[in-house]
PDB file of N, CA and C in Angstrom:
ATOM      1  N   MET A   1     108.296  99.308 -11.155  1.00  0.00           N
ATOM      2  CA  MET A   1     107.852 100.140 -10.069  1.00  0.00           C
ATOM      3  C   MET A   1     108.273 101.573 -10.362  1.00  0.00           C
ATOM      4  N   SER A   2     107.345 102.451 -10.237  1.00  0.00           N
ATOM      5  CA  SER A   2     107.680 103.849 -10.475  1.00  0.00           C
ATOM      6  C   SER A   2     107.821 104.548  -9.134  1.00  0.00           C
ATOM      7  N   SER A   3     108.807 105.380  -9.033  1.00  0.00           N
ATOM      8  CA  SER A   3     109.012 106.117  -7.780  1.00  0.00           C
ATOM      9  C   SER A   3     108.611 107.571  -8.003  1.00  0.00           C
ATOM     10  N   ALA A   4     107.337 107.757  -8.092  1.00  0.00           N
ATOM     11  CA  ALA A   4     106.815 109.093  -8.347  1.00  0.00           C
ATOM     12  C   ALA A   4     106.759 109.886  -7.045  1.00  0.00           C
ATOM     13  N   VAL A   5     107.238 111.112  -7.105  1.00  0.00           N
ATOM     14  CA  VAL A   5     107.206 111.988  -5.944  1.00  0.00           C
ATOM     15  C   VAL A   5     105.859 112.696  -5.958  1.00  0.00           C
ATOM     16  N   PRO A   6     105.121 112.620  -4.841  1.00  0.00           N
ATOM     17  CA  PRO A   6     103.810 113.270  -4.842  1.00  0.00           C
ATOM     18  C   PRO A   6     103.971 114.777  -4.989  1.00  0.00           C
ATOM     19  N   SER A   7     103.111 115.360  -5.755  1.00  0.00           N
ATOM     20  CA  SER A   7     103.179 116.809  -5.966  1.00  0.00           C
ATOM     21  C   SER A   7     102.391 117.512  -4.868  1.00  0.00           C
ATOM     22  N   PRO A   8     102.787 118.755  -4.554  1.00  0.00           N
ATOM     23  CA  PRO A   8     102.071 119.481  -3.516  1.00  0.00           C
ATOM     24  C   PRO A   8     100.645 119.745  -3.961  1.00  0.00           C
ATOM     25  N   PRO A   9      99.738 119.904  -3.006  1.00  0.00           N
ATOM     26  CA  PRO A   9      98.358 120.125  -3.380  1.00  0.00           C
ATOM     27  C   PRO A   9      98.218 121.412  -4.167  1.00  0.00           C
ATOM     28  N   ALA A  10      97.284 121.423  -5.050  1.00  0.00           N
ATOM     29  CA  ALA A  10      97.050 122.586  -5.888  1.00  0.00           C
ATOM     30  C   ALA A  10      96.424 123.695  -5.045  1.00  0.00           C
ATOM     31  N   THR A  11      96.918 124.929  -5.250  1.00  0.00           N
ATOM     32  CA  THR A  11      96.362 126.063  -4.521  1.00  0.00           C
ATOM     33  C   THR A  11      95.961 127.131  -5.508  1.00  0.00           C
ATOM     34  N   VAL A  12      95.150 128.025  -5.014  1.00  0.00           N
ATOM     35  CA  VAL A  12      94.769 129.150  -5.846  1.00  0.00           C
ATOM     36  C   VAL A  12      95.984 130.059  -5.912  1.00  0.00           C
ATOM     37  N   SER A  13      96.306 130.506  -7.088  1.00  0.00           N
ATOM     38  CA  SER A  13      97.542 131.237  -7.331  1.00  0.00           C
ATOM     39  C   SER A  13      97.760 132.407  -6.375  1.00  0.00           C
ATOM     40  N   GLY A  14      96.830 133.288  -6.193  1.00  0.00           N
ATOM     41  CA  GLY A  14      97.016 134.483  -5.375  1.00  0.00           C
ATOM     42  C   GLY A  14      96.875 134.228  -3.891  1.00  0.00           C
ATOM     43  N   ALA A  15      96.264 133.134  -3.486  1.00  0.00           N
ATOM     44  CA  ALA A  15      96.002 132.877  -2.074  1.00  0.00           C
ATOM     45  C   ALA A  15      97.289 132.700  -1.283  1.00  0.00           C
ATOM     46  N   SER A  16      98.241 131.947  -1.803  1.00  0.00           N
ATOM     47  CA  SER A  16      99.477 131.723  -1.063  1.00  0.00           C
ATOM     48  C   SER A  16     100.278 133.017  -0.959  1.00  0.00           C
ATOM     49  N   ASP A  17     100.231 133.854  -1.968  1.00  0.00           N
ATOM     50  CA  ASP A  17     100.933 135.132  -1.910  1.00  0.00           C
ATOM     51  C   ASP A  17     100.327 136.037  -0.835  1.00  0.00           C
ATOM     52  N   ALA A  18      98.997 136.020  -0.713  1.00  0.00           N
ATOM     53  CA  ALA A  18      98.319 136.849   0.281  1.00  0.00           C
ATOM     54  C   ALA A  18      98.680 136.379   1.690  1.00  0.00           C
ATOM     55  N   VAL A  19      98.714 135.066   1.886  1.00  0.00           N
ATOM     56  CA  VAL A  19      99.075 134.517   3.195  1.00  0.00           C
ATOM     57  C   VAL A  19     100.505 134.918   3.536  1.00  0.00           C
ATOM     58  N   ALA A  20     101.397 134.827   2.585  1.00  0.00           N
ATOM     59  CA  ALA A  20     102.791 135.200   2.814  1.00  0.00           C
ATOM     60  C   ALA A  20     102.897 136.683   3.155  1.00  0.00           C
ATOM     61  N   ALA A  21     102.140 137.525   2.478  1.00  0.00           N
ATOM     62  CA  ALA A  21     102.178 138.962   2.739  1.00  0.00           C
ATOM     63  C   ALA A  21     101.660 139.277   4.139  1.00  0.00           C
ATOM     64  N   VAL A  22     100.572 138.625   4.538  1.00  0.00           N
ATOM     65  CA  VAL A  22     100.011 138.847   5.874  1.00  0.00           C
ATOM     66  C   VAL A  22     101.001 138.376   6.933  1.00  0.00           C
ATOM     67  N   THR A  23     101.630 137.219   6.705  1.00  0.00           N
ATOM     68  CA  THR A  23     102.598 136.686   7.655  1.00  0.00           C
ATOM     69  C   THR A  23     103.791 137.628   7.779  1.00  0.00           C
ATOM     70  N   MET A  24     104.298 138.137   6.676  1.00  0.00           N
ATOM     71  CA  MET A  24     105.428 139.066   6.704  1.00  0.00           C
ATOM     72  C   MET A  24     105.048 140.357   7.427  1.00  0.00           C
ATOM     73  N   ALA A  25     103.840 140.851   7.197  1.00  0.00           N
ATOM     74  CA  ALA A  25     103.389 142.070   7.871  1.00  0.00           C
ATOM     75  C   ALA A  25     103.301 141.837   9.373  1.00  0.00           C
ATOM     76  N   HIS A  26     102.841 140.638   9.746  1.00  0.00           N
ATOM     77  CA  HIS A  26     102.743 140.296  11.169  1.00  0.00           C
ATOM     78  C   HIS A  26     104.130 140.301  11.814  1.00  0.00           C
ATOM     79  N   TYR A  27     105.110 139.702  11.150  1.00  0.00           N
ATOM     80  CA  TYR A  27     106.471 139.664  11.692  1.00  0.00           C
ATOM     81  C   TYR A  27     107.059 141.068  11.775  1.00  0.00           C
ATOM     82  N   LYS A  28     106.818 141.890  10.767  1.00  0.00           N
ATOM     83  CA  LYS A  28     107.353 143.253  10.778  1.00  0.00           C
ATOM     84  C   LYS A  28     106.726 144.055  11.907  1.00  0.00           C
ATOM     85  N   ALA A  29     105.422 143.874  12.138  1.00  0.00           N
ATOM     86  CA  ALA A  29     104.747 144.592  13.218  1.00  0.00           C
ATOM     87  C   ALA A  29     105.301 144.144  14.574  1.00  0.00           C
ATOM     88  N   ALA A  30     105.507 142.840  14.720  1.00  0.00           N
ATOM     89  CA  ALA A  30     106.041 142.319  15.975  1.00  0.00           C
ATOM     90  C   ALA A  30     107.467 142.827  16.187  1.00  0.00           C
ATOM     91  N   ASP A  31     108.271 142.822  15.125  1.00  0.00           N
ATOM     92  CA  ASP A  31     109.638 143.328  15.226  1.00  0.00           C
ATOM     93  C   ASP A  31     109.639 144.813  15.574  1.00  0.00           C
ATOM     94  N   SER A  32     108.727 145.556  14.990  1.00  0.00           N
ATOM     95  CA  SER A  32     108.641 146.981  15.255  1.00  0.00           C
ATOM     96  C   SER A  32     108.287 147.231  16.718  1.00  0.00           C
ATOM     97  N   LYS A  33     107.333 146.478  17.244  1.00  0.00           N
ATOM     98  CA  LYS A  33     106.951 146.625  18.647  1.00  0.00           C
ATOM     99  C   LYS A  33     108.117 146.257  19.558  1.00  0.00           C
ATOM    100  N   ARG A  34     108.815 145.197  19.212  1.00  0.00           N
ATOM    101  CA  ARG A  34     109.970 144.789  20.015  1.00  0.00           C
ATOM    102  C   ARG A  34     111.044 145.863  20.001  1.00  0.00           C
ATOM    103  N   GLU A  35     111.276 146.438  18.833  1.00  0.00           N
ATOM    104  CA  GLU A  35     112.286 147.486  18.711  1.00  0.00           C
ATOM    105  C   GLU A  35     111.884 148.721  19.517  1.00  0.00           C
ATOM    106  N   GLN A  36     110.620 149.082  19.486  1.00  0.00           N
ATOM    107  CA  GLN A  36     110.136 150.225  20.274  1.00  0.00           C
ATOM    108  C   GLN A  36     110.321 149.950  21.764  1.00  0.00           C
ATOM    109  N   PHE A  37     109.984 148.738  22.171  1.00  0.00           N
ATOM    110  CA  PHE A  37     110.118 148.373  23.578  1.00  0.00           C
ATOM    111  C   PHE A  37     111.584 148.377  23.993  1.00  0.00           C
ATOM    112  N   ARG A  38     112.463 147.884  23.127  1.00  0.00           N
ATOM    113  CA  ARG A  38     113.899 147.884  23.416  1.00  0.00           C
ATOM    114  C   ARG A  38     114.413 149.314  23.567  1.00  0.00           C
ATOM    115  N   ARG A  39     113.991 150.207  22.696  1.00  0.00           N
ATOM    116  CA  ARG A  39     114.410 151.614  22.794  1.00  0.00           C
ATOM    117  C   ARG A  39     113.892 152.242  24.093  1.00  0.00           C
ATOM    118  N   TYR A  40     112.659 151.901  24.455  1.00  0.00           N
ATOM    119  CA  TYR A  40     112.075 152.402  25.710  1.00  0.00           C
ATOM    120  C   TYR A  40     112.914 151.946  26.904  1.00  0.00           C
ATOM    121  N   LEU A  41     113.266 150.666  26.944  1.00  0.00           N
ATOM    122  CA  LEU A  41     114.083 150.143  28.043  1.00  0.00           C
ATOM    123  C   LEU A  41     115.458 150.803  28.077  1.00  0.00           C
ATOM    124  N   GLU A  42     115.999 151.053  26.895  1.00  0.00           N
ATOM    125  CA  GLU A  42     117.312 151.680  26.815  1.00  0.00           C
ATOM    126  C   GLU A  42     117.252 153.128  27.305  1.00  0.00           C
ATOM    127  N   LYS A  43     116.236 153.871  26.876  1.00  0.00           N
ATOM    128  CA  LYS A  43     116.088 155.279  27.284  1.00  0.00           C
ATOM    129  C   LYS A  43     115.893 155.408  28.791  1.00  0.00           C
ATOM    130  N   SER A  44     115.123 154.516  29.364  1.00  0.00           N
ATOM    131  CA  SER A  44     114.811 154.618  30.788  1.00  0.00           C
ATOM    132  C   SER A  44     115.925 154.084  31.682  1.00  0.00           C
ATOM    133  N   GLY A  45     116.979 153.528  31.099  1.00  0.00           N
ATOM    134  CA  GLY A  45     118.114 153.060  31.881  1.00  0.00           C
ATOM    135  C   GLY A  45     117.979 151.634  32.398  1.00  0.00           C
ATOM    136  N   VAL A  46     116.902 150.954  32.007  1.00  0.00           N
ATOM    137  CA  VAL A  46     116.675 149.595  32.498  1.00  0.00           C
ATOM    138  C   VAL A  46     117.748 148.644  31.975  1.00  0.00           C
ATOM    139  N   LEU A  47     118.052 148.730  30.687  1.00  0.00           N
ATOM    140  CA  LEU A  47     119.052 147.810  30.113  1.00  0.00           C
ATOM    141  C   LEU A  47     120.416 148.007  30.768  1.00  0.00           C
ATOM    142  N   ASP A  48     120.789 149.263  31.005  1.00  0.00           N
ATOM    143  CA  ASP A  48     122.078 149.551  31.622  1.00  0.00           C
ATOM    144  C   ASP A  48     122.133 148.988  33.044  1.00  0.00           C
ATOM    145  N   THR A  49     121.056 149.204  33.798  1.00  0.00           N
ATOM    146  CA  THR A  49     121.017 148.720  35.186  1.00  0.00           C
ATOM    147  C   THR A  49     121.045 147.202  35.239  1.00  0.00           C
ATOM    148  N   LEU A  50     120.250 146.567  34.396  1.00  0.00           N
ATOM    149  CA  LEU A  50     120.251 145.094  34.361  1.00  0.00           C
ATOM    150  C   LEU A  50     121.619 144.554  33.981  1.00  0.00           C
ATOM    151  N   THR A  51     122.239 145.195  33.014  1.00  0.00           N
ATOM    152  CA  THR A  51     123.566 144.756  32.579  1.00  0.00           C
ATOM    153  C   THR A  51     124.560 144.854  33.729  1.00  0.00           C
ATOM    154  N   LYS A  52     124.525 145.961  34.466  1.00  0.00           N
ATOM    155  CA  LYS A  52     125.451 146.138  35.594  1.00  0.00           C
ATOM    156  C   LYS A  52     125.234 145.076  36.665  1.00  0.00           C
ATOM    157  N   VAL A  53     123.979 144.778  36.969  1.00  0.00           N
ATOM    158  CA  VAL A  53     123.693 143.780  38.009  1.00  0.00           C
ATOM    159  C   VAL A  53     124.114 142.393  37.545  1.00  0.00           C
ATOM    160  N   LEU A  54     123.853 142.084  36.284  1.00  0.00           N
ATOM    161  CA  LEU A  54     124.250 140.766  35.759  1.00  0.00           C
ATOM    162  C   LEU A  54     125.773 140.630  35.709  1.00  0.00           C
ATOM    163  N   VAL A  55     126.461 141.707  35.375  1.00  0.00           N
ATOM    164  CA  VAL A  55     127.931 141.679  35.380  1.00  0.00           C
ATOM    165  C   VAL A  55     128.433 141.465  36.807  1.00  0.00           C
ATOM    166  N   ALA A  56     127.803 142.140  37.778  1.00  0.00           N
ATOM    167  CA  ALA A  56     128.197 141.957  39.179  1.00  0.00           C
ATOM    168  C   ALA A  56     128.014 140.500  39.605  1.00  0.00           C
ATOM    169  N   LEU A  57     126.916 139.893  39.178  1.00  0.00           N
ATOM    170  CA  LEU A  57     126.673 138.481  39.493  1.00  0.00           C
ATOM    171  C   LEU A  57     127.730 137.607  38.824  1.00  0.00           C
ATOM    172  N   TYR A  58     128.050 137.905  37.595  1.00  0.00           N
ATOM    173  CA  TYR A  58     129.052 137.135  36.852  1.00  0.00           C
ATOM    174  C   TYR A  58     130.414 137.224  37.531  1.00  0.00           C
ATOM    175  N   GLU A  59     130.739 138.405  38.051  1.00  0.00           N
ATOM    176  CA  GLU A  59     132.055 138.624  38.658  1.00  0.00           C
ATOM    177  C   GLU A  59     132.136 138.165  40.110  1.00  0.00           C
ATOM    178  N   GLU A  60     131.029 137.736  40.690  1.00  0.00           N
ATOM    179  CA  GLU A  60     131.043 137.220  42.066  1.00  0.00           C
ATOM    180  C   GLU A  60     131.955 135.994  42.118  1.00  0.00           C
ATOM    181  N   PRO A  61     132.958 136.001  42.997  1.00  0.00           N
ATOM    182  CA  PRO A  61     133.841 134.832  43.068  1.00  0.00           C
ATOM    183  C   PRO A  61     133.102 133.595  43.580  1.00  0.00           C
ATOM    184  N   GLU A  62     132.209 133.808  44.523  1.00  0.00           N
ATOM    185  CA  GLU A  62     131.421 132.700  45.057  1.00  0.00           C
ATOM    186  C   GLU A  62     129.961 132.969  44.707  1.00  0.00           C
ATOM    187  N   LYS A  63     129.429 132.188  43.789  1.00  0.00           N
ATOM    188  CA  LYS A  63     128.058 132.424  43.310  1.00  0.00           C
ATOM    189  C   LYS A  63     127.045 132.187  44.436  1.00  0.00           C
ATOM    190  N   PRO A  64     126.062 133.079  44.554  1.00  0.00           N
ATOM    191  CA  PRO A  64     125.041 132.905  45.591  1.00  0.00           C
ATOM    192  C   PRO A  64     124.135 131.713  45.281  1.00  0.00           C
ATOM    193  N   ASN A  65     123.499 131.179  46.324  1.00  0.00           N
ATOM    194  CA  ASN A  65     122.577 130.057  46.120  1.00  0.00           C
ATOM    195  C   ASN A  65     121.405 130.459  45.247  1.00  0.00           C
ATOM    196  N   SER A  66     120.914 131.660  45.438  1.00  0.00           N
ATOM    197  CA  SER A  66     119.771 132.133  44.676  1.00  0.00           C
ATOM    198  C   SER A  66     120.170 133.350  43.852  1.00  0.00           C
ATOM    199  N   ALA A  67     120.301 133.147  42.556  1.00  0.00           N
ATOM    200  CA  ALA A  67     120.637 134.254  41.665  1.00  0.00           C
ATOM    201  C   ALA A  67     119.514 135.285  41.661  1.00  0.00           C
ATOM    202  N   LEU A  68     118.275 134.814  41.778  1.00  0.00           N
ATOM    203  CA  LEU A  68     117.128 135.722  41.777  1.00  0.00           C
ATOM    204  C   LEU A  68     117.171 136.643  42.998  1.00  0.00           C
ATOM    205  N   ASP A  69     117.507 136.097  44.166  1.00  0.00           N
ATOM    206  CA  ASP A  69     117.620 136.929  45.365  1.00  0.00           C
ATOM    207  C   ASP A  69     118.749 137.953  45.208  1.00  0.00           C
ATOM    208  N   PHE A  70     119.841 137.535  44.585  1.00  0.00           N
ATOM    209  CA  PHE A  70     120.951 138.449  44.316  1.00  0.00           C
ATOM    210  C   PHE A  70     120.468 139.610  43.459  1.00  0.00           C
ATOM    211  N   LEU A  71     119.743 139.304  42.397  1.00  0.00           N
ATOM    212  CA  LEU A  71     119.225 140.346  41.505  1.00  0.00           C
ATOM    213  C   LEU A  71     118.261 141.269  42.243  1.00  0.00           C
ATOM    214  N   LYS A  72     117.355 140.685  43.007  1.00  0.00           N
ATOM    215  CA  LYS A  72     116.382 141.496  43.748  1.00  0.00           C
ATOM    216  C   LYS A  72     117.099 142.443  44.706  1.00  0.00           C
ATOM    217  N   HIS A  73     118.089 141.908  45.419  1.00  0.00           N
ATOM    218  CA  HIS A  73     118.816 142.727  46.388  1.00  0.00           C
ATOM    219  C   HIS A  73     119.531 143.881  45.692  1.00  0.00           C
ATOM    220  N   HIS A  74     120.227 143.581  44.613  1.00  0.00           N
ATOM    221  CA  HIS A  74     121.012 144.610  43.938  1.00  0.00           C
ATOM    222  C   HIS A  74     120.135 145.586  43.156  1.00  0.00           C
ATOM    223  N   LEU A  75     119.033 145.125  42.643  1.00  0.00           N
ATOM    224  CA  LEU A  75     118.134 146.051  41.946  1.00  0.00           C
ATOM    225  C   LEU A  75     117.422 146.953  42.943  1.00  0.00           C
ATOM    226  N   GLY A  76     117.066 146.404  44.086  1.00  0.00           N
ATOM    227  CA  GLY A  76     116.414 147.210  45.114  1.00  0.00           C
ATOM    228  C   GLY A  76     117.346 148.275  45.646  1.00  0.00           C
ATOM    229  N   ALA A  77     118.620 147.960  45.769  1.00  0.00           N
ATOM    230  CA  ALA A  77     119.596 148.920  46.285  1.00  0.00           C
ATOM    231  C   ALA A  77     119.911 149.985  45.243  1.00  0.00           C
ATOM    232  N   ALA A  78     119.690 149.684  43.976  1.00  0.00           N
ATOM    233  CA  ALA A  78     120.034 150.624  42.911  1.00  0.00           C
ATOM    234  C   ALA A  78     118.957 151.685  42.711  1.00  0.00           C
ATOM    235  N   THR A  79     117.763 151.454  43.232  1.00  0.00           N
ATOM    236  CA  THR A  79     116.691 152.414  43.015  1.00  0.00           C
ATOM    237  C   THR A  79     116.734 153.496  44.088  1.00  0.00           C
ATOM    238  N   PRO A  80     116.382 154.715  43.727  1.00  0.00           N
ATOM    239  CA  PRO A  80     116.384 155.783  44.732  1.00  0.00           C
ATOM    240  C   PRO A  80     115.288 155.565  45.766  1.00  0.00           C
ATOM    241  N   GLU A  81     115.518 156.079  46.980  1.00  0.00           N
ATOM    242  CA  GLU A  81     114.564 155.909  48.068  1.00  0.00           C
ATOM    243  C   GLU A  81     113.308 156.736  47.812  1.00  0.00           C
ATOM    244  N   ASN A  82     112.196 156.143  48.095  1.00  0.00           N
ATOM    245  CA  ASN A  82     110.923 156.836  48.040  1.00  0.00           C
ATOM    246  C   ASN A  82     110.816 157.672  49.317  1.00  0.00           C
ATOM    247  N   PRO A  83     110.468 158.956  49.212  1.00  0.00           N
ATOM    248  CA  PRO A  83     110.384 159.797  50.422  1.00  0.00           C
ATOM    249  C   PRO A  83     109.398 159.254  51.456  1.00  0.00           C
ATOM    250  N   GLU A  84     108.337 158.637  50.992  1.00  0.00           N
ATOM    251  CA  GLU A  84     107.351 158.071  51.913  1.00  0.00           C
ATOM    252  C   GLU A  84     107.958 156.934  52.730  1.00  0.00           C
ATOM    253  N   ILE A  85     108.788 156.143  52.102  1.00  0.00           N
ATOM    254  CA  ILE A  85     109.449 155.039  52.798  1.00  0.00           C
ATOM    255  C   ILE A  85     110.378 155.598  53.881  1.00  0.00           C
ATOM    256  N   GLU A  86     111.091 156.651  53.551  1.00  0.00           N
ATOM    257  CA  GLU A  86     111.998 157.259  54.525  1.00  0.00           C
ATOM    258  C   GLU A  86     111.223 157.795  55.730  1.00  0.00           C
ATOM    259  N   LEU A  87     110.074 158.425  55.481  1.00  0.00           N
ATOM    260  CA  LEU A  87     109.243 158.916  56.587  1.00  0.00           C
ATOM    261  C   LEU A  87     108.763 157.766  57.463  1.00  0.00           C
ATOM    262  N   LEU A  88     108.380 156.668  56.847  1.00  0.00           N
ATOM    263  CA  LEU A  88     107.927 155.508  57.610  1.00  0.00           C
ATOM    264  C   LEU A  88     109.068 154.915  58.442  1.00  0.00           C
ATOM    265  N   ARG A  89     110.269 154.921  57.901  1.00  0.00           N
ATOM    266  CA  ARG A  89     111.421 154.422  58.659  1.00  0.00           C
ATOM    267  C   ARG A  89     111.692 155.296  59.880  1.00  0.00           C
ATOM    268  N   LEU A  90     111.590 156.615  59.698  1.00  0.00           N
ATOM    269  CA  LEU A  90     111.792 157.517  60.831  1.00  0.00           C
ATOM    270  C   LEU A  90     110.721 157.299  61.892  1.00  0.00           C
ATOM    271  N   GLU A  91     109.486 157.163  61.437  1.00  0.00           N
ATOM    272  CA  GLU A  91     108.386 156.923  62.385  1.00  0.00           C
ATOM    273  C   GLU A  91     108.590 155.610  63.135  1.00  0.00           C
ATOM    274  N   LEU A  92     109.046 154.590  62.431  1.00  0.00           N
ATOM    275  CA  LEU A  92     109.313 153.299  63.064  1.00  0.00           C
ATOM    276  C   LEU A  92     110.400 153.436  64.130  1.00  0.00           C
ATOM    277  N   ALA A  93     111.462 154.178  63.818  1.00  0.00           N
ATOM    278  CA  ALA A  93     112.544 154.371  64.784  1.00  0.00           C
ATOM    279  C   ALA A  93     112.031 155.097  66.029  1.00  0.00           C
ATOM    280  N   GLU A  94     111.190 156.118  65.821  1.00  0.00           N
ATOM    281  CA  GLU A  94     110.619 156.836  66.965  1.00  0.00           C
ATOM    282  C   GLU A  94     109.748 155.908  67.811  1.00  0.00           C
ATOM    283  N   MET A  95     108.932 155.103  67.163  1.00  0.00           N
ATOM    284  CA  MET A  95     108.057 154.173  67.888  1.00  0.00           C
ATOM    285  C   MET A  95     108.866 153.144  68.669  1.00  0.00           C
ATOM    286  N   LYS A  96     109.976 152.701  68.107  1.00  0.00           N
ATOM    287  CA  LYS A  96     110.836 151.753  68.822  1.00  0.00           C
ATOM    288  C   LYS A  96     111.410 152.398  70.082  1.00  0.00           C
ATOM    289  N   GLU A  97     111.827 153.659  69.952  1.00  0.00           N
ATOM    290  CA  GLU A  97     112.361 154.368  71.127  1.00  0.00           C
ATOM    291  C   GLU A  97     111.294 154.499  72.201  1.00  0.00           C
ATOM    292  N   LYS A  98     110.090 154.892  71.804  1.00  0.00           N
ATOM    293  CA  LYS A  98     108.986 155.026  72.757  1.00  0.00           C
ATOM    294  C   LYS A  98     108.687 153.687  73.423  1.00  0.00           C
ATOM    295  N   TYR A  99     108.686 152.637  72.635  1.00  0.00           N
ATOM    296  CA  TYR A  99     108.425 151.296  73.164  1.00  0.00           C
ATOM    297  C   TYR A  99     109.456 150.923  74.227  1.00  0.00           C
ATOM    298  N   GLU A 100     110.730 151.147  73.903  1.00  0.00           N
ATOM    299  CA  GLU A 100     111.796 150.819  74.855  1.00  0.00           C
ATOM    300  C   GLU A 100     111.634 151.625  76.141  1.00  0.00           C
ATOM    301  N   ALA A 101     111.290 152.914  76.018  1.00  0.00           N
ATOM    302  CA  ALA A 101     111.100 153.755  77.205  1.00  0.00           C
ATOM    303  C   ALA A 101     109.934 153.238  78.046  1.00  0.00           C
ATOM    304  N   ILE A 102     108.860 152.831  77.400  1.00  0.00           N
ATOM    305  CA  ILE A 102     107.688 152.314  78.117  1.00  0.00           C
ATOM    306  C   ILE A 102     108.013 150.994  78.802  1.00  0.00           C
ATOM    307  N   VAL A 103     108.761 150.137  78.144  1.00  0.00           N
ATOM    308  CA  VAL A 103     109.153 148.860  78.754  1.00  0.00           C
ATOM    309  C   VAL A 103     110.006 149.127  79.994  1.00  0.00           C
ATOM    310  N   GLU A 104     110.936 150.071  79.893  1.00  0.00           N
ATOM    311  CA  GLU A 104     111.791 150.412  81.034  1.00  0.00           C
ATOM    312  C   GLU A 104     110.953 150.980  82.185  1.00  0.00           C
ATOM    313  N   GLU A 105     110.029 151.871  81.856  1.00  0.00           N
ATOM    314  CA  GLU A 105     109.149 152.441  82.876  1.00  0.00           C
ATOM    315  C   GLU A 105     108.308 151.355  83.540  1.00  0.00           C
ATOM    316  N   ASN A 106     107.831 150.425  82.756  1.00  0.00           N
ATOM    317  CA  ASN A 106     107.024 149.315  83.273  1.00  0.00           C
ATOM    318  C   ASN A 106     107.831 148.491  84.273  1.00  0.00           C
ATOM    319  N   LYS A 107     109.091 148.221  83.957  1.00  0.00           N
ATOM    320  CA  LYS A 107     109.952 147.456  84.880  1.00  0.00           C
ATOM    321  C   LYS A 107     110.109 148.202  86.209  1.00  0.00           C
ATOM    322  N   LYS A 108     110.360 149.518  86.120  1.00  0.00           N
ATOM    323  CA  LYS A 108     110.542 150.314  87.338  1.00  0.00           C
ATOM    324  C   LYS A 108     109.272 150.316  88.181  1.00  0.00           C
ATOM    325  N   LEU A 109     108.120 150.475  87.522  1.00  0.00           N
ATOM    326  CA  LEU A 109     106.854 150.490  88.258  1.00  0.00           C
ATOM    327  C   LEU A 109     106.562 149.138  88.897  1.00  0.00           C
ATOM    328  N   LYS A 110     106.899 148.059  88.223  1.00  0.00           N
ATOM    329  CA  LYS A 110     106.703 146.722  88.806  1.00  0.00           C
ATOM    330  C   LYS A 110     107.587 146.553  90.032  1.00  0.00           C
ATOM    331  N   THR A 111     108.814 147.055  89.963  1.00  0.00           N
ATOM    332  CA  THR A 111     109.724 146.970  91.106  1.00  0.00           C
ATOM    333  C   THR A 111     109.168 147.760  92.284  1.00  0.00           C
ATOM    334  N   LYS A 112     108.675 148.980  92.017  1.00  0.00           N
ATOM    335  CA  LYS A 112     108.090 149.805  93.084  1.00  0.00           C
ATOM    336  C   LYS A 112     106.869 149.122  93.678  1.00  0.00           C
ATOM    337  N   LEU A 113     106.038 148.583  92.822  1.00  0.00           N
ATOM    338  CA  LEU A 113     104.813 147.920  93.271  1.00  0.00           C
ATOM    339  C   LEU A 113     105.149 146.717  94.147  1.00  0.00           C
ATOM    340  N   ALA A 114     106.184 145.991  93.793  1.00  0.00           N
ATOM    341  CA  ALA A 114     106.577 144.814  94.565  1.00  0.00           C
ATOM    342  C   ALA A 114     107.019 145.214  95.984  1.00  0.00           C
ATOM    343  N   GLN A 115     107.544 146.410  96.159  1.00  0.00           N
ATOM    344  CA  GLN A 115     107.965 146.873  97.488  1.00  0.00           C
ATOM    345  C   GLN A 115     106.761 147.112  98.402  1.00  0.00           C
ATOM    346  N   TYR A 116     105.639 147.540  97.833  1.00  0.00           N
ATOM    347  CA  TYR A 116     104.480 147.909  98.643  1.00  0.00           C
ATOM    348  C   TYR A 116     103.445 146.803  98.782  1.00  0.00           C
ATOM    349  N   GLU A 117     103.500 145.799  97.942  1.00  0.00           N
ATOM    350  CA  GLU A 117     102.541 144.705  98.028  1.00  0.00           C
ATOM    351  C   GLU A 117     103.190 143.511  98.694  1.00  0.00           C
ATOM    352  N   PRO A 118     102.420 142.800  99.508  1.00  0.00           N
ATOM    353  CA  PRO A 118     102.983 141.570 100.088  1.00  0.00           C
ATOM    354  C   PRO A 118     103.118 140.516  98.988  1.00  0.00           C
ATOM    355  N   PRO A 119     104.035 139.592  99.164  1.00  0.00           N
ATOM    356  CA  PRO A 119     104.190 138.527  98.161  1.00  0.00           C
ATOM    357  C   PRO A 119     102.886 137.745  97.999  1.00  0.00           C
ATOM    358  N   GLN A 120     102.715 137.113  96.883  1.00  0.00           N
ATOM    359  CA  GLN A 120     101.501 136.384  96.553  1.00  0.00           C
ATOM    360  C   GLN A 120     101.200 135.272  97.567  1.00  0.00           C
ATOM    361  N   GLU A 121     102.226 134.632  98.107  1.00  0.00           N
ATOM    362  CA  GLU A 121     102.040 133.523  99.052  1.00  0.00           C
ATOM    363  C   GLU A 121     101.385 134.025 100.333  1.00  0.00           C
ATOM    364  N   GLU A 122     101.744 135.196 100.819  1.00  0.00           N
ATOM    365  CA  GLU A 122     101.168 135.748 102.042  1.00  0.00           C
ATOM    366  C   GLU A 122      99.684 136.071 101.838  1.00  0.00           C
ATOM    367  N   LYS A 123      99.320 136.539 100.654  1.00  0.00           N
ATOM    368  CA  LYS A 123      97.933 136.857 100.375  1.00  0.00           C
ATOM    369  C   LYS A 123      97.071 135.594 100.446  1.00  0.00           C
ATOM    370  N   ARG A 124      97.567 134.505  99.940  1.00  0.00           N
ATOM    371  CA  ARG A 124      96.795 133.245  99.917  1.00  0.00           C
ATOM    372  C   ARG A 124      96.604 132.713 101.346  1.00  0.00           C
ATOM    373  N   ALA A 125      97.599 132.917 102.189  1.00  0.00           N
ATOM    374  CA  ALA A 125      97.527 132.393 103.566  1.00  0.00           C
ATOM    375  C   ALA A 125      96.461 133.113 104.377  1.00  0.00           C
ATOM    376  N   GLU A 126      96.174 134.354 104.039  1.00  0.00           N
ATOM    377  CA  GLU A 126      95.212 135.125 104.812  1.00  0.00           C
ATOM    378  C   GLU A 126      93.823 134.722 104.576  1.00  0.00           C
TER     379      GLU A 126
END
């Protein structure tokens, strides 16, 4: 019995080299894009901010139930306020004050009205 090891299939000599070159170029291009993206994240402060939030999560003595909610909360607090959001908050506060004043006025008017109108039961009896 002969234990011959099968030989790899025959290929055209230059074809495998071309495939290897294309594959290497693809990896280099992908690495280059990744490196550019990493530099972009570093320049814009994203990596630093993410690192700080992740360190804060790591140092939490009692881990939150939702790590994602923790990240969202801390990332949202780390971003500067949009001026439009601040204007909307002020408008909301003003509207709440107006609402409360109107509710109070409504109560007073109902009380006054009740003094001048007979109770509902008397109206039905008539």
